[in-house]
Amino acid sequence: MSFKDIYAVNRIRMISLLVLEFLTSGLIIGVSYINTYQITAIKNRKWQQFIFLITLSLILFIISYASLNICQYWIEKQIQQYNHKIRFKIVNHYFYDNKAHNAAEVQNRLTNDLNLIKDSKLAVYTDIPYYLAQIIFASIGLLLFHWSLLIVVLILGTLSFYLPKFLRPAMQAAALKLSQANKQYLDTAEKWLDGLSVLQRFSVGAQLSRIMDNASDTLESANIARTSTMQGLAVLNKATSALLQFALLAVTAVLVTNHTVVFGVIVTVESFSSYINMSVKMLATELGQIHSVDSLSNEVNADTAVVEHIGTLQSPASLTTKNVSVKFSNGKIIKFPNLNIKSGEKVLLTGDSGTGKTTLFKVLLGKIKLHTGTINFKNKYGADIKINKVKIRYIPQDPILFPDSIENNITMFNSKLKNKVLDYVKDVSFESDIRKMPLGLKTKLNLQKLNISGGQRQKIVLARACIHDDDFILIDEGTSAIDKKATLDILKKLLNSPYTVIFIAHNFNDEMYSLFDREIHLV
């Protein structure tokens, strides 16, 4: 995330913006320069000259004020268009990088991190030519008055510029810590507030308050630490500012006393001093801000990198595993039996809680790394499929739906499948439920206030899995919220299909068990 990147969004607008900011600075300094002769005209009682000069100053001030507002509008538009592209690249990167991403982490990256970079870096870029122009024009004005005034400014201005660099590492660390604290707070809020109803049921509001209070304290401390660092920079700038102003006024007083410059300079030089001092201070501060988010910008750049697509995924037909085990961070190891799942086979996976049924699914999906062993998938022709090109339809215990119509949740936005939806709705015993909904398949799901039951959620994802004709399906308690009769009907149709199915369940009756080719029991 650099000036070059934001410049490329709209080059003509950016050039116009920079030119307008430069000229606006010139107008503002010009108004101050004219004030010199306004004061002198008053002293010499030249009233016509005074009226002309003050009218000219007013016109230039109005033009400069309007120009500044135009610049603010243009830079905001430039930044928002740039951030729109960045968000698109980040989402695209996350989609193709084949990694599990925490929701709070993604939200923090797309909102807080981009806003932090905007305020500390992107919005600052266009201020630099504005403040540089003020220094240049004010320096020219001082030089026109007397060279000694400019020498004082150059010496003390250089001191003002380089002193804040000592605080730059601290500013970088503070910005990164603030981003991490915000990410942690969002993560905590997501994990605990999702279970708000359960916490209410057990009356453990005190625990929720304690957890959120601790996370809030961390975020508060990070904000305070960054503000403290910024205030340290401000104090340093004010000290050098006072020194610069004192020196300038002292030299000006000597020049006026010796009649080297006109009387009005005694007022104008203070104005020029303020402009130069403020510009040097703002340049030092803003350059420090820009560098304070360098580490964060590098992280965002990494998340916008183009990920090489792995090509078309292949749906496997069969599976074999050998000596597969996984190791958890606490040192626990789960070993799994060797599997040999044939094409079209229907396997029921059972076992007590904690034996690793869901963990085995996550291993097959590549979400958990192997500690030992090998996994081998083959397509329907018996050819091996590379692990990163395997396409498996997975139905988790908690179905994932989207805030769109039931139809689109089943077809996953593939319009070519719309004419098949009703057939698969019947296969999962969902037809009677659909008829009771006024909008039928067009009914939009409300994920915050669910307008469908848990069983209906499972039927939607079961229909989704089947309509896409995937050869290999993993189902984790996929009918746990559906009544026995409907479950039996669904199983009969699902297990009569050509798909290879591994189904986790623990509460099936004998008739349901008999529908499967065999059972694998984990211990």
Protein backbone atom coordinates (compact mmCIF):
# COMPACT_ATOMS: atom_id res chain seq x y z
CA MET A 1 0.00 0.00 0.00
CA SER A 2 2.02 2.93 -1.31
CA PHE A 3 1.63 6.35 -2.92
CA LYS A 4 2.20 4.72 -6.30
CA ASP A 5 -0.76 2.39 -5.70
CA ILE A 6 -3.20 5.10 -4.68
CA TYR A 7 -1.94 7.35 -7.51
CA ALA A 8 -2.75 4.62 -10.05
CA VAL A 9 -6.46 4.57 -9.08
CA ASN A 10 -7.14 7.78 -11.04
CA ARG A 11 -4.00 9.50 -12.30
CA ILE A 12 -5.68 12.63 -13.70
CA ARG A 13 -7.58 13.26 -10.45
CA MET A 14 -4.45 12.67 -8.36
CA ILE A 15 -2.32 15.05 -10.44
CA SER A 16 -5.06 17.69 -10.30
CA LEU A 17 -5.30 17.19 -6.54
CA LEU A 18 -1.56 17.62 -5.97
CA VAL A 19 -1.36 20.70 -8.21
CA LEU A 20 -4.40 22.27 -6.53
CA GLU A 21 -2.96 21.64 -3.05
CA PHE A 22 0.34 23.21 -4.08
CA LEU A 23 -1.37 26.31 -5.49
CA THR A 24 -3.66 26.57 -2.46
CA SER A 25 -0.62 26.70 -0.19
CA GLY A 26 0.73 29.51 -2.35
CA LEU A 27 -2.53 31.45 -1.98
CA ILE A 28 -2.54 31.07 1.82
CA ILE A 29 1.06 32.29 2.10
CA GLY A 30 0.25 35.07 -0.38
CA VAL A 31 -2.50 36.34 1.90
CA SER A 32 -0.02 36.52 4.79
CA TYR A 33 2.53 38.31 2.59
CA ILE A 34 -0.08 40.93 1.61
CA ASN A 35 -0.81 41.46 5.32
CA THR A 36 2.70 42.95 5.65
CA TYR A 37 1.75 45.87 3.45
CA GLN A 38 -1.71 46.16 4.99
CA ILE A 39 -0.11 46.90 8.38
CA THR A 40 2.38 49.28 6.77
CA ALA A 41 -0.48 51.07 4.92
CA ILE A 42 -2.33 51.55 8.23
CA LYS A 43 0.84 52.94 9.86
CA ASN A 44 1.33 55.36 6.96
CA ARG A 45 -2.45 56.16 6.81
CA LYS A 46 -2.79 55.06 3.17
CA TRP A 47 -6.44 53.99 3.43
CA GLN A 48 -7.17 53.34 -0.27
CA GLN A 49 -4.19 51.03 -0.47
CA PHE A 50 -5.34 49.31 2.72
CA ILE A 51 -8.89 48.72 1.36
CA PHE A 52 -7.54 47.34 -1.92
CA LEU A 53 -5.15 44.98 -0.15
CA ILE A 54 -7.70 43.70 2.35
CA THR A 55 -10.24 43.07 -0.47
CA LEU A 56 -7.60 41.15 -2.41
CA SER A 57 -6.77 39.12 0.71
CA LEU A 58 -10.43 38.23 1.24
CA ILE A 59 -10.84 37.02 -2.36
CA LEU A 60 -7.67 34.89 -2.16
CA PHE A 61 -8.79 33.46 1.19
CA ILE A 62 -12.20 32.41 -0.21
CA ILE A 63 -10.53 30.76 -3.22
CA SER A 64 -8.06 28.89 -0.99
CA TYR A 65 -10.83 27.71 1.36
CA ALA A 66 -12.92 26.38 -1.55
CA SER A 67 -9.85 24.70 -3.04
CA LEU A 68 -9.04 22.92 0.23
CA ASN A 69 -12.56 21.48 0.39
CA ILE A 70 -12.31 20.26 -3.20
CA CYS A 71 -8.98 18.59 -2.33
CA GLN A 72 -10.54 16.83 0.68
CA TYR A 73 -13.37 15.49 -1.48
CA TRP A 74 -11.00 14.25 -4.17
CA ILE A 75 -8.64 12.47 -1.79
CA GLU A 76 -11.51 10.76 0.05
CA LYS A 77 -12.90 9.55 -3.27
CA GLN A 78 -9.46 8.33 -4.34
CA ILE A 79 -8.93 6.45 -1.07
CA GLN A 80 -12.37 4.84 -1.03
CA GLN A 81 -11.96 3.58 -4.61
CA TYR A 82 -8.52 2.26 -3.69
CA ASN A 83 -9.80 0.50 -0.56
CA HIS A 84 -12.61 -1.02 -2.61
CA LYS A 85 -9.98 -2.66 -4.84
CA ILE A 86 -7.94 -3.74 -1.82
CA ARG A 87 -10.97 -5.39 -0.18
CA PHE A 88 -11.74 -7.22 -3.42
CA LYS A 89 -8.15 -8.51 -3.61
CA ILE A 90 -8.15 -9.59 0.04
CA VAL A 91 -11.43 -11.51 -0.31
CA ASN A 92 -10.16 -13.08 -3.55
CA HIS A 93 -6.89 -14.05 -1.82
CA TYR A 94 -8.71 -15.64 1.12
CA PHE A 95 -10.99 -17.53 -1.25
CA TYR A 96 -8.16 -19.15 -3.19
CA ASP A 97 -5.39 -19.59 -0.59
CA ASN A 98 -7.03 -22.80 0.72
CA LYS A 99 -6.52 -21.80 4.37
CA ALA A 100 -8.93 -21.57 7.28
CA HIS A 101 -9.49 -17.93 8.23
CA ASN A 102 -10.95 -16.75 11.51
CA ALA A 103 -14.02 -14.54 10.91
CA ALA A 104 -12.87 -11.90 13.42
CA GLU A 105 -9.43 -11.79 11.76
CA VAL A 106 -11.00 -11.21 8.33
CA GLN A 107 -13.39 -8.55 9.68
CA ASN A 108 -10.50 -6.76 11.38
CA ARG A 109 -8.43 -6.81 8.19
CA LEU A 110 -11.29 -5.49 6.00
CA THR A 111 -12.36 -2.73 8.40
CA ASN A 112 -10.09 -1.66 11.26
CA ASP A 113 -6.74 -2.33 9.55
CA LEU A 114 -7.72 -0.51 6.35
CA ASN A 115 -9.10 2.43 8.34
CA LEU A 116 -5.92 2.58 10.42
CA ILE A 117 -3.78 2.62 7.27
CA LYS A 118 -6.08 5.20 5.69
CA ASP A 119 -5.82 7.60 8.64
CA SER A 120 -2.10 7.07 9.23
CA LYS A 121 -0.87 6.73 5.66
CA LEU A 122 -3.14 7.14 2.64
CA ALA A 123 -4.86 10.36 3.75
CA VAL A 124 -1.45 11.76 4.72
CA TYR A 125 0.24 11.32 1.34
CA THR A 126 -1.51 14.29 -0.23
CA ASP A 127 -0.81 16.50 2.80
CA ILE A 128 2.93 16.26 2.15
CA PRO A 129 3.00 18.47 -1.01
CA TYR A 130 0.66 20.92 0.76
CA TYR A 131 2.99 21.40 3.72
CA LEU A 132 6.10 21.35 1.54
CA ALA A 133 4.57 24.15 -0.57
CA GLN A 134 3.88 26.17 2.58
CA ILE A 135 7.52 25.81 3.64
CA ILE A 136 8.74 26.79 0.17
CA PHE A 137 6.46 29.83 -0.25
CA ALA A 138 6.97 31.03 3.33
CA SER A 139 10.74 30.65 2.92
CA ILE A 140 10.63 32.72 -0.28
CA GLY A 141 8.64 35.37 1.60
CA LEU A 142 11.21 35.45 4.40
CA LEU A 143 14.05 35.66 1.86
CA LEU A 144 12.35 38.65 0.22
CA PHE A 145 12.29 40.34 3.62
CA HIS A 146 15.86 39.46 4.66
CA TRP A 147 18.18 36.47 4.19
CA SER A 148 18.92 36.17 7.93
CA LEU A 149 15.30 35.21 8.63
CA LEU A 150 15.52 32.30 6.22
CA ILE A 151 18.78 31.08 7.78
CA VAL A 152 17.14 30.89 11.21
CA VAL A 153 14.25 28.89 9.73
CA LEU A 154 16.51 26.43 7.90
CA ILE A 155 18.61 25.67 10.99
CA LEU A 156 15.77 25.23 13.45
CA GLY A 157 13.42 23.69 10.86
CA THR A 158 15.96 20.93 10.18
CA LEU A 159 16.14 20.25 13.91
CA SER A 160 12.33 20.03 14.08
CA PHE A 161 12.23 17.57 11.20
CA TYR A 162 14.84 15.06 12.40
CA LEU A 163 14.16 14.91 16.14
CA PRO A 164 10.79 13.01 15.80
CA LYS A 165 12.52 10.16 13.94
CA PHE A 166 13.70 8.84 17.30
CA LEU A 167 10.08 7.98 18.13
CA ARG A 168 9.36 6.16 14.86
CA PRO A 169 10.08 2.57 16.10
CA ALA A 170 7.79 3.10 19.08
CA MET A 171 5.02 4.37 16.79
CA GLN A 172 5.33 1.30 14.56
CA ALA A 173 5.10 -1.07 17.51
CA ALA A 174 2.09 0.82 18.93
CA ALA A 175 0.16 0.66 15.63
CA LEU A 176 0.80 -3.08 15.24
CA LYS A 177 -0.20 -3.73 18.84
CA LEU A 178 -3.44 -1.79 18.32
CA SER A 179 -4.32 -3.91 15.26
CA GLN A 180 -3.66 -7.14 17.18
CA ALA A 181 -5.71 -5.97 20.17
CA ASN A 182 -8.65 -5.07 17.93
CA LYS A 183 -8.45 -8.47 16.22
CA GLN A 184 -8.42 -10.20 19.61
CA TYR A 185 -11.43 -8.18 20.79
CA LEU A 186 -13.46 -9.06 17.66
CA ASP A 187 -12.50 -12.72 18.01
CA THR A 188 -13.58 -12.78 21.67
CA ALA A 189 -16.87 -11.04 20.85
CA GLU A 190 -17.62 -13.49 18.04
CA LYS A 191 -16.90 -16.61 20.11
CA TRP A 192 -18.79 -15.55 23.24
CA LEU A 193 -21.68 -13.50 21.88
CA ASP A 194 -22.60 -16.30 19.44
CA GLY A 195 -23.54 -18.32 22.53
CA LEU A 196 -25.38 -15.47 24.25
CA SER A 197 -28.62 -17.43 24.56
CA VAL A 198 -26.82 -20.30 26.32
CA LEU A 199 -25.09 -17.91 28.72
CA GLN A 200 -28.46 -16.32 29.50
CA ARG A 201 -30.02 -19.73 30.11
CA PHE A 202 -27.35 -20.55 32.71
CA SER A 203 -27.36 -17.03 34.18
CA VAL A 204 -23.61 -16.53 33.75
CA GLY A 205 -23.66 -12.90 32.74
CA ALA A 206 -20.82 -12.20 35.17
CA GLN A 207 -18.53 -14.56 33.23
CA LEU A 208 -19.43 -12.85 29.93
CA SER A 209 -18.80 -9.43 31.49
CA ARG A 210 -15.42 -10.57 32.81
CA ILE A 211 -14.30 -12.01 29.47
CA MET A 212 -15.43 -8.98 27.45
CA ASP A 213 -14.03 -6.59 30.07
CA ASN A 214 -10.59 -8.23 29.84
CA ALA A 215 -10.63 -8.04 26.03
CA SER A 216 -11.79 -4.42 26.20
CA ASP A 217 -8.99 -3.57 28.65
CA THR A 218 -6.41 -4.91 26.20
CA LEU A 219 -7.89 -2.83 23.37
CA GLU A 220 -8.10 0.24 25.61
CA SER A 221 -4.46 -0.14 26.68
CA ALA A 222 -3.33 -0.45 23.05
CA ASN A 223 -5.24 2.72 22.10
CA ILE A 224 -3.82 4.61 25.07
CA ALA A 225 -0.28 3.41 24.32
CA ARG A 226 -0.52 4.63 20.71
CA THR A 227 -2.00 7.95 21.81
CA SER A 228 0.77 8.33 24.39
CA THR A 229 3.42 7.82 21.72
CA MET A 230 1.73 10.36 19.46
CA GLN A 231 1.55 12.85 22.35
CA GLY A 232 5.27 12.41 22.97
CA LEU A 233 5.88 13.36 19.37
CA ALA A 234 3.56 16.37 19.76
CA VAL A 235 5.46 17.61 22.86
CA LEU A 236 8.76 17.32 21.00
CA ASN A 237 7.35 19.28 18.08
CA LYS A 238 5.96 22.04 20.34
CA ALA A 239 9.33 22.50 22.05
CA THR A 240 11.15 23.02 18.74
CA SER A 241 8.26 25.24 17.58
CA ALA A 242 8.69 27.58 20.54
CA LEU A 243 12.44 27.78 19.91
CA LEU A 244 11.91 28.60 16.21
CA GLN A 245 9.35 31.29 16.91
CA PHE A 246 11.49 32.98 19.59
CA ALA A 247 14.55 33.10 17.32
CA LEU A 248 12.61 34.50 14.36
CA LEU A 249 10.95 37.26 16.38
CA ALA A 250 14.25 38.21 17.96
CA VAL A 251 15.98 38.60 14.58
CA THR A 252 12.96 40.46 13.15
CA ALA A 253 12.94 42.93 16.02
CA VAL A 254 16.59 43.80 15.31
CA LEU A 255 15.89 44.25 11.58
CA VAL A 256 12.88 46.52 12.17
CA THR A 257 14.79 48.59 14.72
CA ASN A 258 17.61 49.12 12.20
CA HIS A 259 15.02 50.00 9.46
CA THR A 260 16.27 47.07 7.34
CA VAL A 261 12.69 45.85 6.74
CA VAL A 262 9.29 47.59 6.76
CA PHE A 263 7.29 47.77 9.98
CA GLY A 264 4.63 45.26 8.82
CA VAL A 265 7.19 42.46 8.78
CA ILE A 266 7.03 42.31 12.61
CA VAL A 267 3.50 40.88 12.24
CA THR A 268 3.96 38.85 9.05
CA VAL A 269 7.12 37.09 10.14
CA GLU A 270 5.22 35.59 13.06
CA SER A 271 2.61 34.31 10.62
CA PHE A 272 5.32 32.87 8.36
CA SER A 273 7.00 31.39 11.42
CA SER A 274 3.75 29.66 12.39
CA TYR A 275 3.21 28.29 8.86
CA ILE A 276 6.77 26.97 8.58
CA ASN A 277 6.76 25.57 12.09
CA MET A 278 3.36 23.93 11.65
CA SER A 279 4.34 22.52 8.25
CA VAL A 280 7.63 21.10 9.55
CA LYS A 281 5.83 19.65 12.58
CA MET A 282 3.06 18.12 10.45
CA LEU A 283 5.56 16.69 7.96
CA ALA A 284 7.55 15.08 10.76
CA THR A 285 4.39 13.79 12.46
CA GLU A 286 2.80 12.48 9.28
CA LEU A 287 5.98 10.85 8.01
CA GLY A 288 6.14 9.16 11.39
CA GLN A 289 2.52 8.07 11.02
CA ILE A 290 3.20 6.70 7.55
CA HIS A 291 6.08 4.57 8.83
CA SER A 292 4.13 3.56 11.94
CA VAL A 293 1.90 1.32 9.82
CA ASP A 294 4.64 -0.09 7.58
CA SER A 295 4.42 -3.53 9.22
CA LEU A 296 0.64 -3.51 8.97
CA SER A 297 0.80 -2.40 5.33
CA ASN A 298 3.15 -5.29 4.57
CA GLU A 299 0.64 -7.71 6.11
CA VAL A 300 -2.18 -6.27 4.00
CA ASN A 301 0.01 -6.43 0.89
CA ALA A 302 0.62 -10.12 1.61
CA ASP A 303 -3.14 -10.65 1.89
CA THR A 304 -3.74 -9.00 -1.49
CA ALA A 305 -1.18 -11.11 -3.35
CA VAL A 306 -2.62 -13.08 -6.25
CA VAL A 307 -2.94 -16.75 -5.33
CA GLU A 308 -2.24 -19.22 -8.08
CA HIS A 309 -5.40 -21.18 -8.82
CA ILE A 310 -4.97 -24.91 -8.45
CA GLY A 311 -7.20 -25.63 -11.43
CA THR A 312 -10.34 -27.73 -11.63
CA LEU A 313 -11.01 -29.82 -8.54
CA GLN A 314 -11.80 -33.51 -8.98
CA SER A 315 -14.38 -35.39 -6.97
CA PRO A 316 -12.87 -38.67 -5.72
CA ALA A 317 -14.69 -41.97 -5.92
CA SER A 318 -12.62 -44.03 -3.49
CA LEU A 319 -10.26 -43.58 -0.58
CA THR A 320 -7.47 -45.49 1.18
CA THR A 321 -5.53 -44.46 4.28
CA LYS A 322 -2.57 -46.03 6.05
CA ASN A 323 -1.29 -45.45 9.60
CA VAL A 324 -3.04 -42.08 9.87
CA SER A 325 -2.73 -40.21 13.17
CA VAL A 326 -3.01 -36.61 14.34
CA LYS A 327 -1.28 -34.85 17.22
CA PHE A 328 -2.84 -31.98 19.14
CA SER A 329 -1.07 -29.07 20.84
CA ASN A 330 -1.58 -30.67 24.25
CA GLY A 331 0.38 -33.74 23.10
CA LYS A 332 -2.65 -35.99 22.66
CA ILE A 333 -2.44 -38.36 19.67
CA ILE A 334 -5.39 -40.00 17.94
CA LYS A 335 -4.70 -43.00 15.72
CA PHE A 336 -7.20 -44.08 13.08
CA PRO A 337 -7.74 -47.50 11.53
CA ASN A 338 -6.66 -48.01 7.94
CA LEU A 339 -9.53 -47.21 5.57
CA ASN A 340 -10.36 -48.71 2.20
CA ILE A 341 -13.52 -47.03 0.94
CA LYS A 342 -14.56 -48.31 -2.49
CA SER A 343 -16.33 -46.34 -5.19
CA GLY A 344 -20.07 -46.02 -4.47
CA GLU A 345 -19.74 -47.58 -1.02
CA LYS A 346 -22.01 -46.38 1.79
CA VAL A 347 -20.18 -46.45 5.12
CA LEU A 348 -21.55 -45.62 8.55
CA LEU A 349 -18.91 -44.17 10.89
CA THR A 350 -19.70 -44.61 14.59
CA GLY A 351 -17.93 -44.37 17.92
CA ASP A 352 -18.19 -42.80 21.34
CA SER A 353 -17.69 -39.07 21.86
CA GLY A 354 -14.00 -38.17 21.68
CA THR A 355 -12.94 -41.06 19.45
CA GLY A 356 -12.21 -38.64 16.59
CA LYS A 357 -15.06 -39.05 14.10
CA THR A 358 -15.29 -35.36 13.18
CA THR A 359 -11.49 -35.08 13.44
CA LEU A 360 -11.14 -37.83 10.83
CA PHE A 361 -13.38 -35.85 8.46
CA LYS A 362 -11.25 -32.74 8.99
CA VAL A 363 -8.13 -34.79 8.24
CA LEU A 364 -9.65 -36.02 4.97
CA LEU A 365 -10.60 -32.43 4.10
CA GLY A 366 -7.05 -31.24 4.73
CA LYS A 367 -8.07 -28.96 7.61
CA ILE A 368 -5.87 -30.85 10.10
CA LYS A 369 -2.31 -31.88 9.27
CA LEU A 370 -1.26 -35.50 9.59
CA HIS A 371 1.12 -36.55 12.34
CA THR A 372 1.80 -39.85 10.60
CA GLY A 373 0.42 -41.86 7.69
CA THR A 374 -0.81 -41.30 4.15
CA ILE A 375 -4.12 -40.56 2.43
CA ASN A 376 -4.80 -41.56 -1.16
CA PHE A 377 -7.84 -40.54 -3.25
CA LYS A 378 -8.73 -42.03 -6.64
CA ASN A 379 -11.24 -40.86 -9.24
CA LYS A 380 -13.87 -43.12 -10.81
CA TYR A 381 -11.30 -44.26 -13.38
CA GLY A 382 -8.87 -45.39 -10.68
CA ALA A 383 -6.36 -42.58 -11.22
CA ASP A 384 -4.76 -40.85 -8.23
CA ILE A 385 -5.88 -37.32 -7.35
CA LYS A 386 -3.42 -34.87 -5.77
CA ILE A 387 -4.53 -33.90 -2.29
CA ASN A 388 -4.79 -30.19 -3.19
CA LYS A 389 -7.14 -30.97 -6.10
CA VAL A 390 -9.60 -33.17 -4.21
CA LYS A 391 -13.21 -32.00 -4.22
CA ILE A 392 -15.24 -33.41 -1.34
CA ARG A 393 -18.76 -32.41 -0.39
CA TYR A 394 -18.85 -31.95 3.38
CA ILE A 395 -21.97 -31.52 5.49
CA PRO A 396 -20.93 -30.43 9.01
CA GLN A 397 -22.95 -30.74 12.20
CA ASP A 398 -23.75 -27.03 12.02
CA PRO A 399 -24.89 -26.38 8.42
CA ILE A 400 -23.50 -23.27 6.74
CA LEU A 401 -26.15 -21.16 5.02
CA PHE A 402 -26.13 -17.73 3.40
CA PRO A 403 -28.53 -14.74 3.68
CA ASP A 404 -30.17 -15.45 0.34
CA SER A 405 -33.07 -17.50 -1.00
CA ILE A 406 -33.51 -21.21 -0.21
CA GLU A 407 -33.16 -21.90 -3.92
CA ASN A 408 -29.77 -20.15 -4.16
CA ASN A 409 -28.59 -21.88 -0.99
CA ILE A 410 -29.29 -25.22 -2.68
CA THR A 411 -27.91 -24.39 -6.13
CA MET A 412 -25.09 -22.25 -4.68
CA PHE A 413 -25.97 -19.57 -7.25
CA ASN A 414 -25.65 -21.89 -10.24
CA SER A 415 -28.60 -20.88 -12.43
CA LYS A 416 -28.24 -24.01 -14.54
CA LEU A 417 -29.40 -26.13 -11.61
CA LYS A 418 -32.64 -24.24 -10.89
CA ASN A 419 -34.80 -26.63 -12.92
CA LYS A 420 -33.54 -29.55 -10.77
CA VAL A 421 -34.17 -28.01 -7.34
CA LEU A 422 -37.68 -29.40 -6.84
CA ASP A 423 -36.54 -32.97 -7.54
CA TYR A 424 -33.84 -32.79 -4.87
CA VAL A 425 -36.17 -31.01 -2.46
CA LYS A 426 -38.42 -34.07 -2.69
CA ASP A 427 -35.46 -36.42 -2.18
CA VAL A 428 -34.68 -34.83 1.19
CA SER A 429 -38.35 -34.70 2.31
CA PHE A 430 -38.37 -30.90 2.18
CA GLU A 431 -41.29 -30.46 -0.25
CA SER A 432 -44.02 -30.17 2.40
CA ASP A 433 -41.98 -27.55 4.30
CA ILE A 434 -41.55 -25.47 1.14
CA ARG A 435 -45.29 -25.53 0.41
CA LYS A 436 -46.00 -23.92 3.80
CA MET A 437 -43.77 -20.93 2.98
CA PRO A 438 -45.53 -18.06 1.14
CA LEU A 439 -42.53 -17.47 -1.13
CA GLY A 440 -41.56 -21.13 -1.40
CA LEU A 441 -38.05 -21.62 -2.72
CA LYS A 442 -37.69 -17.84 -3.05
CA THR A 443 -37.91 -17.46 0.74
CA LYS A 444 -34.86 -15.53 1.97
CA LEU A 445 -33.03 -16.85 5.01
CA ASN A 446 -32.53 -14.60 8.00
CA LEU A 447 -29.35 -15.77 9.71
CA GLN A 448 -29.80 -13.53 12.75
CA LYS A 449 -33.44 -14.44 13.41
CA LEU A 450 -33.67 -17.85 11.79
CA ASN A 451 -36.93 -18.28 9.91
CA ILE A 452 -36.35 -22.02 9.44
CA SER A 453 -35.81 -24.89 11.87
CA GLY A 454 -32.64 -26.88 12.48
CA GLY A 455 -34.06 -29.82 10.53
CA GLN A 456 -34.89 -27.57 7.57
CA ARG A 457 -31.33 -26.22 7.62
CA GLN A 458 -30.02 -29.77 7.34
CA LYS A 459 -32.40 -30.58 4.50
CA ILE A 460 -31.15 -27.57 2.55
CA VAL A 461 -27.50 -28.61 2.77
CA LEU A 462 -28.36 -32.24 2.00
CA ALA A 463 -30.16 -31.11 -1.15
CA ARG A 464 -27.16 -28.87 -1.93
CA ALA A 465 -24.76 -31.82 -1.69
CA CYS A 466 -26.84 -34.07 -3.92
CA ILE A 467 -27.80 -31.55 -6.63
CA HIS A 468 -24.15 -30.90 -7.47
CA ASP A 469 -23.55 -34.59 -8.21
CA ASP A 470 -20.38 -34.89 -6.16
CA ASP A 471 -19.03 -38.42 -6.15
CA PHE A 472 -17.75 -38.27 -2.58
CA ILE A 473 -19.81 -36.97 0.37
CA LEU A 474 -18.92 -36.71 4.06
CA ILE A 475 -21.93 -36.21 6.34
CA ASP A 476 -21.44 -35.40 10.03
CA GLU A 477 -24.69 -35.98 11.94
CA GLY A 478 -26.48 -34.60 8.88
CA THR A 479 -29.96 -35.66 10.00
CA SER A 480 -29.68 -35.16 13.77
CA ALA A 481 -32.40 -32.47 13.76
CA ILE A 482 -34.71 -34.33 11.38
CA ASP A 483 -37.44 -36.69 12.62
CA LYS A 484 -36.96 -40.48 12.31
CA LYS A 485 -39.44 -41.02 9.49
CA ALA A 486 -38.00 -38.24 7.30
CA THR A 487 -34.46 -39.41 8.13
CA LEU A 488 -35.30 -42.91 6.96
CA ASP A 489 -36.78 -41.59 3.70
CA ILE A 490 -33.73 -39.38 3.10
CA LEU A 491 -31.30 -42.23 3.79
CA LYS A 492 -33.09 -44.58 1.42
CA LYS A 493 -32.76 -42.13 -1.47
CA LEU A 494 -29.27 -40.95 -0.57
CA LEU A 495 -27.88 -44.45 -0.09
CA ASN A 496 -29.48 -45.64 -3.31
CA SER A 497 -27.40 -43.07 -5.25
CA PRO A 498 -24.08 -43.77 -7.03
CA TYR A 499 -22.19 -41.50 -4.59
CA THR A 500 -19.54 -42.68 -2.16
CA VAL A 501 -20.87 -41.71 1.26
CA ILE A 502 -19.33 -41.74 4.75
CA PHE A 503 -21.98 -40.89 7.32
CA ILE A 504 -21.37 -40.13 11.02
CA ALA A 505 -24.27 -41.08 13.28
CA HIS A 506 -24.84 -42.61 16.70
CA ASN A 507 -28.60 -42.78 17.23
CA PHE A 508 -29.79 -44.79 14.24
CA ASN A 509 -32.22 -47.70 14.62
CA ASP A 510 -31.66 -51.15 13.13
CA GLU A 511 -33.52 -50.35 9.91
CA MET A 512 -31.30 -47.32 9.30
CA TYR A 513 -28.15 -49.32 10.07
CA SER A 514 -29.18 -51.96 7.54
CA LEU A 515 -29.19 -49.41 4.69
CA PHE A 516 -25.40 -49.03 4.84
CA ASP A 517 -22.92 -51.41 3.25
CA ARG A 518 -20.87 -51.59 6.43
CA GLU A 519 -19.98 -49.84 9.67
CA ILE A 520 -16.60 -48.55 10.87
CA HIS A 521 -16.54 -48.15 14.64
CA LEU A 522 -13.86 -45.91 16.17
CA VAL A 523 -12.61 -46.61 19.68
